[in-house]
Amino acid sequence: MDLVGPIIDIVSRVMNCSTKHVDYLRAFDENLDKLKEKMDQLNELKSDINNKVIAEEEQLKGMGELETMEPSKSPQKGTQGAGRPGGVPKQKPPQGHKGNGDTEVVDRLPYHT
């Protein structure tokens, strides 16, 4: 009779442990369905965020292209053409042209680049 007490104790512990695992197995299908739903929601959220990121990158890319345009393509306030007032770029005399000394005046103008 002294053996019956420990055997009942062991059986009850095994039953408690196994019922926990059986409960997990019973709820497995339900838990799997919930996980699939959450995964679908997360994938949709990821897709939405990726689309927003792509749209922002395209917008920033367009803004970057505007900033890197040459001055002749995007005139600044008060300038035209090559970024000089009046938009008249400095002309180089043709090769072999000795000039008449007027180029010195142009070279000393404040907007000479």
PDB file of N, CA and C in Angstrom:
ATOM      1  N   MET A   1       0.796  -1.184   0.000  1.00  0.00           N
ATOM      2  CA  MET A   1       0.000   0.000   0.000  1.00  0.00           C
ATOM      3  C   MET A   1       0.844   1.256   0.000  1.00  0.00           C
ATOM      4  N   ASP A   2       2.047   1.114   0.469  1.00  0.00           N
ATOM      5  CA  ASP A   2       2.923   2.283   0.454  1.00  0.00           C
ATOM      6  C   ASP A   2       3.334   2.644  -0.971  1.00  0.00           C
ATOM      7  N   LEU A   3       3.170   1.742  -1.864  1.00  0.00           N
ATOM      8  CA  LEU A   3       3.516   1.991  -3.259  1.00  0.00           C
ATOM      9  C   LEU A   3       2.426   2.737  -4.008  1.00  0.00           C
ATOM     10  N   VAL A   4       1.234   2.657  -3.589  1.00  0.00           N
ATOM     11  CA  VAL A   4       0.108   3.247  -4.308  1.00  0.00           C
ATOM     12  C   VAL A   4       0.203   4.779  -4.300  1.00  0.00           C
ATOM     13  N   GLY A   5       0.571   5.396  -3.207  1.00  0.00           N
ATOM     14  CA  GLY A   5       0.660   6.862  -3.094  1.00  0.00           C
ATOM     15  C   GLY A   5       1.628   7.466  -4.115  1.00  0.00           C
ATOM     16  N   PRO A   6       2.883   6.985  -4.176  1.00  0.00           N
ATOM     17  CA  PRO A   6       3.819   7.537  -5.159  1.00  0.00           C
ATOM     18  C   PRO A   6       3.389   7.269  -6.601  1.00  0.00           C
ATOM     19  N   ILE A   7       2.770   6.125  -6.856  1.00  0.00           N
ATOM     20  CA  ILE A   7       2.334   5.818  -8.219  1.00  0.00           C
ATOM     21  C   ILE A   7       1.215   6.774  -8.625  1.00  0.00           C
ATOM     22  N   ILE A   8       0.275   7.024  -7.735  1.00  0.00           N
ATOM     23  CA  ILE A   8      -0.810   7.965  -8.042  1.00  0.00           C
ATOM     24  C   ILE A   8      -0.236   9.359  -8.275  1.00  0.00           C
ATOM     25  N   ASP A   9       0.751   9.739  -7.482  1.00  0.00           N
ATOM     26  CA  ASP A   9       1.395  11.060  -7.649  1.00  0.00           C
ATOM     27  C   ASP A   9       2.064  11.170  -9.023  1.00  0.00           C
ATOM     28  N   ILE A  10       2.763  10.136  -9.427  1.00  0.00           N
ATOM     29  CA  ILE A  10       3.440  10.141 -10.728  1.00  0.00           C
ATOM     30  C   ILE A  10       2.412  10.193 -11.855  1.00  0.00           C
ATOM     31  N   VAL A  11       1.352   9.399 -11.763  1.00  0.00           N
ATOM     32  CA  VAL A  11       0.320   9.365 -12.799  1.00  0.00           C
ATOM     33  C   VAL A  11      -0.361  10.725 -12.903  1.00  0.00           C
ATOM     34  N   SER A  12      -0.659  11.350 -11.775  1.00  0.00           N
ATOM     35  CA  SER A  12      -1.328  12.654 -11.821  1.00  0.00           C
ATOM     36  C   SER A  12      -0.417  13.720 -12.444  1.00  0.00           C
ATOM     37  N   ARG A  13       0.871  13.668 -12.157  1.00  0.00           N
ATOM     38  CA  ARG A  13       1.809  14.629 -12.771  1.00  0.00           C
ATOM     39  C   ARG A  13       1.920  14.409 -14.278  1.00  0.00           C
ATOM     40  N   VAL A  14       1.970  13.167 -14.701  1.00  0.00           N
ATOM     41  CA  VAL A  14       2.034  12.862 -16.130  1.00  0.00           C
ATOM     42  C   VAL A  14       0.752  13.327 -16.811  1.00  0.00           C
ATOM     43  N   MET A  15      -0.382  13.127 -16.163  1.00  0.00           N
ATOM     44  CA  MET A  15      -1.663  13.553 -16.734  1.00  0.00           C
ATOM     45  C   MET A  15      -1.716  15.082 -16.852  1.00  0.00           C
ATOM     46  N   ASN A  16      -1.265  15.792 -15.837  1.00  0.00           N
ATOM     47  CA  ASN A  16      -1.263  17.261 -15.887  1.00  0.00           C
ATOM     48  C   ASN A  16      -0.385  17.760 -17.032  1.00  0.00           C
ATOM     49  N   CYS A  17       0.767  17.169 -17.160  1.00  0.00           N
ATOM     50  CA  CYS A  17       1.709  17.575 -18.215  1.00  0.00           C
ATOM     51  C   CYS A  17       1.137  17.256 -19.592  1.00  0.00           C
ATOM     52  N   SER A  18       0.563  16.084 -19.749  1.00  0.00           N
ATOM     53  CA  SER A  18       0.057  15.690 -21.066  1.00  0.00           C
ATOM     54  C   SER A  18      -1.196  16.476 -21.436  1.00  0.00           C
ATOM     55  N   THR A  19      -2.028  16.839 -20.473  1.00  0.00           N
ATOM     56  CA  THR A  19      -3.226  17.614 -20.809  1.00  0.00           C
ATOM     57  C   THR A  19      -2.849  19.006 -21.311  1.00  0.00           C
ATOM     58  N   LYS A  20      -1.767  19.580 -20.790  1.00  0.00           N
ATOM     59  CA  LYS A  20      -1.303  20.877 -21.306  1.00  0.00           C
ATOM     60  C   LYS A  20      -0.952  20.746 -22.781  1.00  0.00           C
ATOM     61  N   HIS A  21      -0.224  19.708 -23.109  1.00  0.00           N
ATOM     62  CA  HIS A  21       0.189  19.506 -24.494  1.00  0.00           C
ATOM     63  C   HIS A  21      -1.002  19.176 -25.393  1.00  0.00           C
ATOM     64  N   VAL A  22      -1.957  18.445 -24.879  1.00  0.00           N
ATOM     65  CA  VAL A  22      -3.151  18.124 -25.651  1.00  0.00           C
ATOM     66  C   VAL A  22      -3.938  19.405 -25.927  1.00  0.00           C
ATOM     67  N   ASP A  23      -4.010  20.300 -24.947  1.00  0.00           N
ATOM     68  CA  ASP A  23      -4.702  21.577 -25.156  1.00  0.00           C
ATOM     69  C   ASP A  23      -4.020  22.388 -26.256  1.00  0.00           C
ATOM     70  N   TYR A  24      -2.704  22.380 -26.252  1.00  0.00           N
ATOM     71  CA  TYR A  24      -1.977  23.089 -27.314  1.00  0.00           C
ATOM     72  C   TYR A  24      -2.274  22.474 -28.681  1.00  0.00           C
ATOM     73  N   LEU A  25      -2.311  21.147 -28.733  1.00  0.00           N
ATOM     74  CA  LEU A  25      -2.588  20.472 -29.999  1.00  0.00           C
ATOM     75  C   LEU A  25      -4.022  20.724 -30.465  1.00  0.00           C
ATOM     76  N   ARG A  26      -4.951  20.784 -29.534  1.00  0.00           N
ATOM     77  CA  ARG A  26      -6.346  21.057 -29.901  1.00  0.00           C
ATOM     78  C   ARG A  26      -6.487  22.470 -30.477  1.00  0.00           C
ATOM     79  N   ALA A  27      -5.770  23.426 -29.907  1.00  0.00           N
ATOM     80  CA  ALA A  27      -5.871  24.821 -30.335  1.00  0.00           C
ATOM     81  C   ALA A  27      -4.931  25.137 -31.497  1.00  0.00           C
ATOM     82  N   PHE A  28      -4.179  24.130 -31.949  1.00  0.00           N
ATOM     83  CA  PHE A  28      -3.188  24.372 -32.997  1.00  0.00           C
ATOM     84  C   PHE A  28      -3.812  24.943 -34.270  1.00  0.00           C
ATOM     85  N   ASP A  29      -4.871  24.320 -34.759  1.00  0.00           N
ATOM     86  CA  ASP A  29      -5.506  24.790 -35.999  1.00  0.00           C
ATOM     87  C   ASP A  29      -6.023  26.219 -35.853  1.00  0.00           C
ATOM     88  N   GLU A  30      -6.655  26.496 -34.727  1.00  0.00           N
ATOM     89  CA  GLU A  30      -7.167  27.848 -34.484  1.00  0.00           C
ATOM     90  C   GLU A  30      -6.019  28.858 -34.406  1.00  0.00           C
ATOM     91  N   ASN A  31      -4.969  28.498 -33.693  1.00  0.00           N
ATOM     92  CA  ASN A  31      -3.813  29.396 -33.580  1.00  0.00           C
ATOM     93  C   ASN A  31      -3.127  29.599 -34.930  1.00  0.00           C
ATOM     94  N   LEU A  32      -3.059  28.540 -35.724  1.00  0.00           N
ATOM     95  CA  LEU A  32      -2.448  28.646 -37.043  1.00  0.00           C
ATOM     96  C   LEU A  32      -3.250  29.592 -37.940  1.00  0.00           C
ATOM     97  N   ASP A  33      -4.572  29.492 -37.872  1.00  0.00           N
ATOM     98  CA  ASP A  33      -5.420  30.402 -38.653  1.00  0.00           C
ATOM     99  C   ASP A  33      -5.214  31.854 -38.220  1.00  0.00           C
ATOM    100  N   LYS A  34      -5.132  32.087 -36.920  1.00  0.00           N
ATOM    101  CA  LYS A  34      -4.900  33.449 -36.414  1.00  0.00           C
ATOM    102  C   LYS A  34      -3.546  33.981 -36.882  1.00  0.00           C
ATOM    103  N   LEU A  35      -2.544  33.108 -36.848  1.00  0.00           N
ATOM    104  CA  LEU A  35      -1.215  33.526 -37.313  1.00  0.00           C
ATOM    105  C   LEU A  35      -1.223  33.874 -38.799  1.00  0.00           C
ATOM    106  N   LYS A  36      -1.946  33.088 -39.591  1.00  0.00           N
ATOM    107  CA  LYS A  36      -2.041  33.375 -41.027  1.00  0.00           C
ATOM    108  C   LYS A  36      -2.723  34.717 -41.271  1.00  0.00           C
ATOM    109  N   GLU A  37      -3.793  35.004 -40.511  1.00  0.00           N
ATOM    110  CA  GLU A  37      -4.480  36.293 -40.647  1.00  0.00           C
ATOM    111  C   GLU A  37      -3.541  37.453 -40.300  1.00  0.00           C
ATOM    112  N   LYS A  38      -2.824  37.309 -39.203  1.00  0.00           N
ATOM    113  CA  LYS A  38      -1.885  38.366 -38.793  1.00  0.00           C
ATOM    114  C   LYS A  38      -0.775  38.536 -39.824  1.00  0.00           C
ATOM    115  N   MET A  39      -0.306  37.432 -40.377  1.00  0.00           N
ATOM    116  CA  MET A  39       0.739  37.492 -41.396  1.00  0.00           C
ATOM    117  C   MET A  39       0.236  38.220 -42.635  1.00  0.00           C
ATOM    118  N   ASP A  40      -0.990  37.953 -43.035  1.00  0.00           N
ATOM    119  CA  ASP A  40      -1.579  38.652 -44.183  1.00  0.00           C
ATOM    120  C   ASP A  40      -1.686  40.150 -43.909  1.00  0.00           C
ATOM    121  N   GLN A  41      -2.116  40.512 -42.696  1.00  0.00           N
ATOM    122  CA  GLN A  41      -2.218  41.928 -42.333  1.00  0.00           C
ATOM    123  C   GLN A  41      -0.845  42.598 -42.379  1.00  0.00           C
ATOM    124  N   LEU A  42       0.153  41.916 -41.845  1.00  0.00           N
ATOM    125  CA  LEU A  42       1.509  42.481 -41.848  1.00  0.00           C
ATOM    126  C   LEU A  42       2.058  42.613 -43.262  1.00  0.00           C
ATOM    127  N   ASN A  43       1.783  41.636 -44.117  1.00  0.00           N
ATOM    128  CA  ASN A  43       2.238  41.729 -45.510  1.00  0.00           C
ATOM    129  C   ASN A  43       1.565  42.884 -46.244  1.00  0.00           C
ATOM    130  N   GLU A  44       0.278  43.105 -45.979  1.00  0.00           N
ATOM    131  CA  GLU A  44      -0.421  44.237 -46.589  1.00  0.00           C
ATOM    132  C   GLU A  44       0.165  45.558 -46.104  1.00  0.00           C
ATOM    133  N   LEU A  45       0.452  45.632 -44.810  1.00  0.00           N
ATOM    134  CA  LEU A  45       1.056  46.843 -44.247  1.00  0.00           C
ATOM    135  C   LEU A  45       2.437  47.088 -44.848  1.00  0.00           C
ATOM    136  N   LYS A  46       3.205  46.023 -44.999  1.00  0.00           N
ATOM    137  CA  LYS A  46       4.533  46.137 -45.604  1.00  0.00           C
ATOM    138  C   LYS A  46       4.427  46.646 -47.044  1.00  0.00           C
ATOM    139  N   SER A  47       3.474  46.116 -47.776  1.00  0.00           N
ATOM    140  CA  SER A  47       3.279  46.545 -49.160  1.00  0.00           C
ATOM    141  C   SER A  47       2.893  48.024 -49.220  1.00  0.00           C
ATOM    142  N   ASP A  48       1.988  48.449 -48.341  1.00  0.00           N
ATOM    143  CA  ASP A  48       1.589  49.860 -48.301  1.00  0.00           C
ATOM    144  C   ASP A  48       2.780  50.761 -47.997  1.00  0.00           C
ATOM    145  N   ILE A  49       3.583  50.366 -47.027  1.00  0.00           N
ATOM    146  CA  ILE A  49       4.746  51.173 -46.650  1.00  0.00           C
ATOM    147  C   ILE A  49       5.757  51.208 -47.784  1.00  0.00           C
ATOM    148  N   ASN A  50       5.989  50.074 -48.438  1.00  0.00           N
ATOM    149  CA  ASN A  50       6.918  50.051 -49.577  1.00  0.00           C
ATOM    150  C   ASN A  50       6.441  50.973 -50.693  1.00  0.00           C
ATOM    151  N   ASN A  51       5.139  50.979 -50.960  1.00  0.00           N
ATOM    152  CA  ASN A  51       4.598  51.866 -51.992  1.00  0.00           C
ATOM    153  C   ASN A  51       4.796  53.326 -51.619  1.00  0.00           C
ATOM    154  N   LYS A  52       4.605  53.659 -50.344  1.00  0.00           N
ATOM    155  CA  LYS A  52       4.817  55.038 -49.890  1.00  0.00           C
ATOM    156  C   LYS A  52       6.283  55.431 -50.019  1.00  0.00           C
ATOM    157  N   VAL A  53       7.176  54.515 -49.660  1.00  0.00           N
ATOM    158  CA  VAL A  53       8.615  54.795 -49.764  1.00  0.00           C
ATOM    159  C   VAL A  53       9.004  55.024 -51.216  1.00  0.00           C
ATOM    160  N   ILE A  54       8.508  54.199 -52.114  1.00  0.00           N
ATOM    161  CA  ILE A  54       8.819  54.351 -53.540  1.00  0.00           C
ATOM    162  C   ILE A  54       8.306  55.688 -54.051  1.00  0.00           C
ATOM    163  N   ALA A  55       7.091  56.065 -53.648  1.00  0.00           N
ATOM    164  CA  ALA A  55       6.528  57.347 -54.092  1.00  0.00           C
ATOM    165  C   ALA A  55       7.366  58.514 -53.573  1.00  0.00           C
ATOM    166  N   GLU A  56       7.802  58.450 -52.315  1.00  0.00           N
ATOM    167  CA  GLU A  56       8.629  59.514 -51.747  1.00  0.00           C
ATOM    168  C   GLU A  56       9.987  59.577 -52.436  1.00  0.00           C
ATOM    169  N   GLU A  57      10.575  58.413 -52.730  1.00  0.00           N
ATOM    170  CA  GLU A  57      11.867  58.402 -53.419  1.00  0.00           C
ATOM    171  C   GLU A  57      11.752  59.019 -54.802  1.00  0.00           C
ATOM    172  N   GLU A  58      10.662  58.720 -55.508  1.00  0.00           N
ATOM    173  CA  GLU A  58      10.469  59.311 -56.836  1.00  0.00           C
ATOM    174  C   GLU A  58      10.289  60.819 -56.733  1.00  0.00           C
ATOM    175  N   GLN A  59       9.568  61.262 -55.704  1.00  0.00           N
ATOM    176  CA  GLN A  59       9.369  62.696 -55.515  1.00  0.00           C
ATOM    177  C   GLN A  59      10.702  63.373 -55.190  1.00  0.00           C
ATOM    178  N   LEU A  60      11.493  62.764 -54.311  1.00  0.00           N
ATOM    179  CA  LEU A  60      12.800  63.329 -53.972  1.00  0.00           C
ATOM    180  C   LEU A  60      13.737  63.298 -55.168  1.00  0.00           C
ATOM    181  N   LYS A  61      13.654  62.249 -55.964  1.00  0.00           N
ATOM    182  CA  LYS A  61      14.487  62.155 -57.162  1.00  0.00           C
ATOM    183  C   LYS A  61      14.150  63.294 -58.115  1.00  0.00           C
ATOM    184  N   GLY A  62      12.858  63.573 -58.285  1.00  0.00           N
ATOM    185  CA  GLY A  62      12.438  64.677 -59.139  1.00  0.00           C
ATOM    186  C   GLY A  62      12.930  66.008 -58.606  1.00  0.00           C
ATOM    187  N   MET A  63      12.887  66.187 -57.289  1.00  0.00           N
ATOM    188  CA  MET A  63      13.374  67.431 -56.695  1.00  0.00           C
ATOM    189  C   MET A  63      14.881  67.546 -56.863  1.00  0.00           C
ATOM    190  N   GLY A  64      15.582  66.420 -56.749  1.00  0.00           N
ATOM    191  CA  GLY A  64      17.032  66.421 -56.930  1.00  0.00           C
ATOM    192  C   GLY A  64      17.420  66.781 -58.344  1.00  0.00           C
ATOM    193  N   GLU A  65      16.629  66.319 -59.309  1.00  0.00           N
ATOM    194  CA  GLU A  65      16.910  66.660 -60.708  1.00  0.00           C
ATOM    195  C   GLU A  65      16.731  68.151 -60.937  1.00  0.00           C
ATOM    196  N   LEU A  66      15.751  68.758 -60.279  1.00  0.00           N
ATOM    197  CA  LEU A  66      15.550  70.195 -60.418  1.00  0.00           C
ATOM    198  C   LEU A  66      16.727  70.970 -59.829  1.00  0.00           C
ATOM    199  N   GLU A  67      17.252  70.499 -58.702  1.00  0.00           N
ATOM    200  CA  GLU A  67      18.354  71.196 -58.048  1.00  0.00           C
ATOM    201  C   GLU A  67      19.651  71.072 -58.833  1.00  0.00           C
ATOM    202  N   THR A  68      19.833  69.971 -59.550  1.00  0.00           N
ATOM    203  CA  THR A  68      21.097  69.758 -60.254  1.00  0.00           C
ATOM    204  C   THR A  68      21.071  70.252 -61.688  1.00  0.00           C
ATOM    205  N   MET A  69      19.969  70.861 -62.110  1.00  0.00           N
ATOM    206  CA  MET A  69      19.909  71.385 -63.478  1.00  0.00           C
ATOM    207  C   MET A  69      20.931  72.502 -63.644  1.00  0.00           C
ATOM    208  N   GLU A  70      21.423  72.648 -64.852  1.00  0.00           N
ATOM    209  CA  GLU A  70      22.368  73.714 -65.152  1.00  0.00           C
ATOM    210  C   GLU A  70      21.666  75.055 -65.026  1.00  0.00           C
ATOM    211  N   PRO A  71      22.409  76.120 -64.689  1.00  0.00           N
ATOM    212  CA  PRO A  71      21.783  77.431 -64.557  1.00  0.00           C
ATOM    213  C   PRO A  71      21.067  77.875 -65.821  1.00  0.00           C
ATOM    214  N   SER A  72      21.556  77.475 -67.006  1.00  0.00           N
ATOM    215  CA  SER A  72      20.894  77.889 -68.243  1.00  0.00           C
ATOM    216  C   SER A  72      19.524  77.230 -68.380  1.00  0.00           C
ATOM    217  N   LYS A  73      19.327  76.094 -67.713  1.00  0.00           N
ATOM    218  CA  LYS A  73      18.042  75.412 -67.788  1.00  0.00           C
ATOM    219  C   LYS A  73      17.091  75.869 -66.688  1.00  0.00           C
ATOM    220  N   SER A  74      17.623  76.353 -65.582  1.00  0.00           N
ATOM    221  CA  SER A  74      16.782  76.855 -64.503  1.00  0.00           C
ATOM    222  C   SER A  74      17.333  78.201 -64.063  1.00  0.00           C
ATOM    223  N   PRO A  75      16.924  79.271 -64.725  1.00  0.00           N
ATOM    224  CA  PRO A  75      17.481  80.580 -64.405  1.00  0.00           C
ATOM    225  C   PRO A  75      17.138  81.003 -62.985  1.00  0.00           C
ATOM    226  N   GLN A  76      18.112  81.666 -62.362  1.00  0.00           N
ATOM    227  CA  GLN A  76      17.900  82.190 -61.029  1.00  0.00           C
ATOM    228  C   GLN A  76      17.260  83.558 -61.143  1.00  0.00           C
ATOM    229  N   LYS A  77      16.750  84.035 -60.044  1.00  0.00           N
ATOM    230  CA  LYS A  77      16.079  85.324 -60.033  1.00  0.00           C
ATOM    231  C   LYS A  77      17.054  86.408 -60.478  1.00  0.00           C
ATOM    232  N   GLY A  78      16.652  87.194 -61.470  1.00  0.00           N
ATOM    233  CA  GLY A  78      17.475  88.304 -61.940  1.00  0.00           C
ATOM    234  C   GLY A  78      18.507  87.915 -62.970  1.00  0.00           C
ATOM    235  N   THR A  79      18.560  86.654 -63.357  1.00  0.00           N
ATOM    236  CA  THR A  79      19.538  86.239 -64.364  1.00  0.00           C
ATOM    237  C   THR A  79      18.837  85.426 -65.428  1.00  0.00           C
ATOM    238  N   GLN A  80      19.474  85.316 -66.547  1.00  0.00           N
ATOM    239  CA  GLN A  80      18.971  84.486 -67.632  1.00  0.00           C
ATOM    240  C   GLN A  80      20.156  83.819 -68.293  1.00  0.00           C
ATOM    241  N   GLY A  81      19.865  82.865 -69.122  1.00  0.00           N
ATOM    242  CA  GLY A  81      20.919  82.251 -69.921  1.00  0.00           C
ATOM    243  C   GLY A  81      21.972  81.592 -69.064  1.00  0.00           C
ATOM    244  N   ALA A  82      23.211  82.021 -69.190  1.00  0.00           N
ATOM    245  CA  ALA A  82      24.334  81.387 -68.516  1.00  0.00           C
ATOM    246  C   ALA A  82      24.490  81.893 -67.094  1.00  0.00           C
ATOM    247  N   GLY A  83      23.449  82.406 -66.486  1.00  0.00           N
ATOM    248  CA  GLY A  83      23.518  82.841 -65.112  1.00  0.00           C
ATOM    249  C   GLY A  83      24.058  84.250 -64.964  1.00  0.00           C
ATOM    250  N   ARG A  84      24.218  84.966 -66.043  1.00  0.00           N
ATOM    251  CA  ARG A  84      24.723  86.338 -66.000  1.00  0.00           C
ATOM    252  C   ARG A  84      23.551  87.293 -66.160  1.00  0.00           C
ATOM    253  N   PRO A  85      23.628  88.481 -65.561  1.00  0.00           N
ATOM    254  CA  PRO A  85      22.549  89.449 -65.739  1.00  0.00           C
ATOM    255  C   PRO A  85      22.314  89.716 -67.221  1.00  0.00           C
ATOM    256  N   GLY A  86      21.065  89.708 -67.603  1.00  0.00           N
ATOM    257  CA  GLY A  86      20.726  89.939 -69.004  1.00  0.00           C
ATOM    258  C   GLY A  86      20.820  88.695 -69.848  1.00  0.00           C
ATOM    259  N   GLY A  87      21.414  87.635 -69.337  1.00  0.00           N
ATOM    260  CA  GLY A  87      21.487  86.369 -70.041  1.00  0.00           C
ATOM    261  C   GLY A  87      22.444  86.344 -71.206  1.00  0.00           C
ATOM    262  N   VAL A  88      23.389  87.254 -71.257  1.00  0.00           N
ATOM    263  CA  VAL A  88      24.325  87.285 -72.386  1.00  0.00           C
ATOM    264  C   VAL A  88      25.622  86.642 -71.937  1.00  0.00           C
ATOM    265  N   PRO A  89      25.919  85.455 -72.419  1.00  0.00           N
ATOM    266  CA  PRO A  89      27.179  84.831 -72.033  1.00  0.00           C
ATOM    267  C   PRO A  89      28.352  85.534 -72.705  1.00  0.00           C
ATOM    268  N   LYS A  90      29.488  85.507 -72.020  1.00  0.00           N
ATOM    269  CA  LYS A  90      30.691  86.126 -72.570  1.00  0.00           C
ATOM    270  C   LYS A  90      31.130  85.340 -73.799  1.00  0.00           C
ATOM    271  N   GLN A  91      31.344  86.033 -74.872  1.00  0.00           N
ATOM    272  CA  GLN A  91      31.753  85.405 -76.123  1.00  0.00           C
ATOM    273  C   GLN A  91      33.269  85.426 -76.223  1.00  0.00           C
ATOM    274  N   LYS A  92      33.832  84.331 -76.668  1.00  0.00           N
ATOM    275  CA  LYS A  92      35.268  84.301 -76.945  1.00  0.00           C
ATOM    276  C   LYS A  92      35.474  84.772 -78.372  1.00  0.00           C
ATOM    277  N   PRO A  93      36.499  85.554 -78.609  1.00  0.00           N
ATOM    278  CA  PRO A  93      36.759  85.962 -79.987  1.00  0.00           C
ATOM    279  C   PRO A  93      37.187  84.754 -80.808  1.00  0.00           C
ATOM    280  N   PRO A  94      36.903  84.755 -82.090  1.00  0.00           N
ATOM    281  CA  PRO A  94      37.307  83.636 -82.940  1.00  0.00           C
ATOM    282  C   PRO A  94      38.821  83.471 -82.930  1.00  0.00           C
ATOM    283  N   GLN A  95      39.262  82.250 -83.155  1.00  0.00           N
ATOM    284  CA  GLN A  95      40.703  82.009 -83.190  1.00  0.00           C
ATOM    285  C   GLN A  95      41.334  82.820 -84.306  1.00  0.00           C
ATOM    286  N   GLY A  96      42.490  83.359 -84.001  1.00  0.00           N
ATOM    287  CA  GLY A  96      43.194  84.164 -84.988  1.00  0.00           C
ATOM    288  C   GLY A  96      42.771  85.624 -84.947  1.00  0.00           C
ATOM    289  N   HIS A  97      41.726  85.946 -84.175  1.00  0.00           N
ATOM    290  CA  HIS A  97      41.257  87.332 -84.066  1.00  0.00           C
ATOM    291  C   HIS A  97      42.106  88.044 -83.020  1.00  0.00           C
ATOM    292  N   LYS A  98      42.706  89.122 -83.405  1.00  0.00           N
ATOM    293  CA  LYS A  98      43.586  89.841 -82.488  1.00  0.00           C
ATOM    294  C   LYS A  98      42.803  90.811 -81.625  1.00  0.00           C
ATOM    295  N   GLY A  99      41.604  91.161 -81.985  1.00  0.00           N
ATOM    296  CA  GLY A  99      40.774  92.045 -81.180  1.00  0.00           C
ATOM    297  C   GLY A  99      41.246  93.477 -81.263  1.00  0.00           C
ATOM    298  N   ASN A 100      40.462  94.357 -80.661  1.00  0.00           N
ATOM    299  CA  ASN A 100      40.815  95.765 -80.685  1.00  0.00           C
ATOM    300  C   ASN A 100      40.977  96.315 -79.276  1.00  0.00           C
ATOM    301  N   GLY A 101      41.155  95.441 -78.285  1.00  0.00           N
ATOM    302  CA  GLY A 101      41.354  95.904 -76.918  1.00  0.00           C
ATOM    303  C   GLY A 101      40.063  96.012 -76.132  1.00  0.00           C
ATOM    304  N   ASP A 102      38.893  95.822 -76.763  1.00  0.00           N
ATOM    305  CA  ASP A 102      37.617  95.933 -76.056  1.00  0.00           C
ATOM    306  C   ASP A 102      37.399  94.784 -75.069  1.00  0.00           C
ATOM    307  N   THR A 103      38.098  93.690 -75.252  1.00  0.00           N
ATOM    308  CA  THR A 103      37.878  92.548 -74.367  1.00  0.00           C
ATOM    309  C   THR A 103      38.342  92.844 -72.956  1.00  0.00           C
ATOM    310  N   GLU A 104      39.272  93.754 -72.760  1.00  0.00           N
ATOM    311  CA  GLU A 104      39.721  94.084 -71.412  1.00  0.00           C
ATOM    312  C   GLU A 104      38.578  94.667 -70.600  1.00  0.00           C
ATOM    313  N   VAL A 105      37.732  95.466 -71.206  1.00  0.00           N
ATOM    314  CA  VAL A 105      36.601  96.053 -70.500  1.00  0.00           C
ATOM    315  C   VAL A 105      35.648  94.956 -70.049  1.00  0.00           C
ATOM    316  N   VAL A 106      35.378  93.994 -70.899  1.00  0.00           N
ATOM    317  CA  VAL A 106      34.485  92.894 -70.555  1.00  0.00           C
ATOM    318  C   VAL A 106      35.074  92.079 -69.415  1.00  0.00           C
ATOM    319  N   ASP A 107      36.387  91.862 -69.424  1.00  0.00           N
ATOM    320  CA  ASP A 107      37.025  91.067 -68.385  1.00  0.00           C
ATOM    321  C   ASP A 107      36.925  91.735 -67.023  1.00  0.00           C
ATOM    322  N   ARG A 108      36.803  93.037 -66.962  1.00  0.00           N
ATOM    323  CA  ARG A 108      36.754  93.735 -65.679  1.00  0.00           C
ATOM    324  C   ARG A 108      35.333  93.937 -65.169  1.00  0.00           C
ATOM    325  N   LEU A 109      34.322  93.501 -65.886  1.00  0.00           N
ATOM    326  CA  LEU A 109      32.949  93.668 -65.429  1.00  0.00           C
ATOM    327  C   LEU A 109      32.711  92.785 -64.201  1.00  0.00           C
ATOM    328  N   PRO A 110      31.889  93.243 -63.245  1.00  0.00           N
ATOM    329  CA  PRO A 110      31.708  92.503 -61.990  1.00  0.00           C
ATOM    330  C   PRO A 110      31.061  91.134 -62.158  1.00  0.00           C
ATOM    331  N   TYR A 111      30.313  90.910 -63.209  1.00  0.00           N
ATOM    332  CA  TYR A 111      29.657  89.615 -63.369  1.00  0.00           C
ATOM    333  C   TYR A 111      30.457  88.662 -64.224  1.00  0.00           C
ATOM    334  N   HIS A 112      31.676  89.001 -64.510  1.00  0.00           N
ATOM    335  CA  HIS A 112      32.548  88.142 -65.315  1.00  0.00           C
ATOM    336  C   HIS A 112      32.783  86.837 -64.551  1.00  0.00           C
ATOM    337  N   THR A 113      32.591  85.724 -65.247  1.00  0.00           N
ATOM    338  CA  THR A 113      32.814  84.425 -64.594  1.00  0.00           C
ATOM    339  C   THR A 113      33.994  83.735 -65.199  1.00  0.00           C
TER     340      THR A 113
END
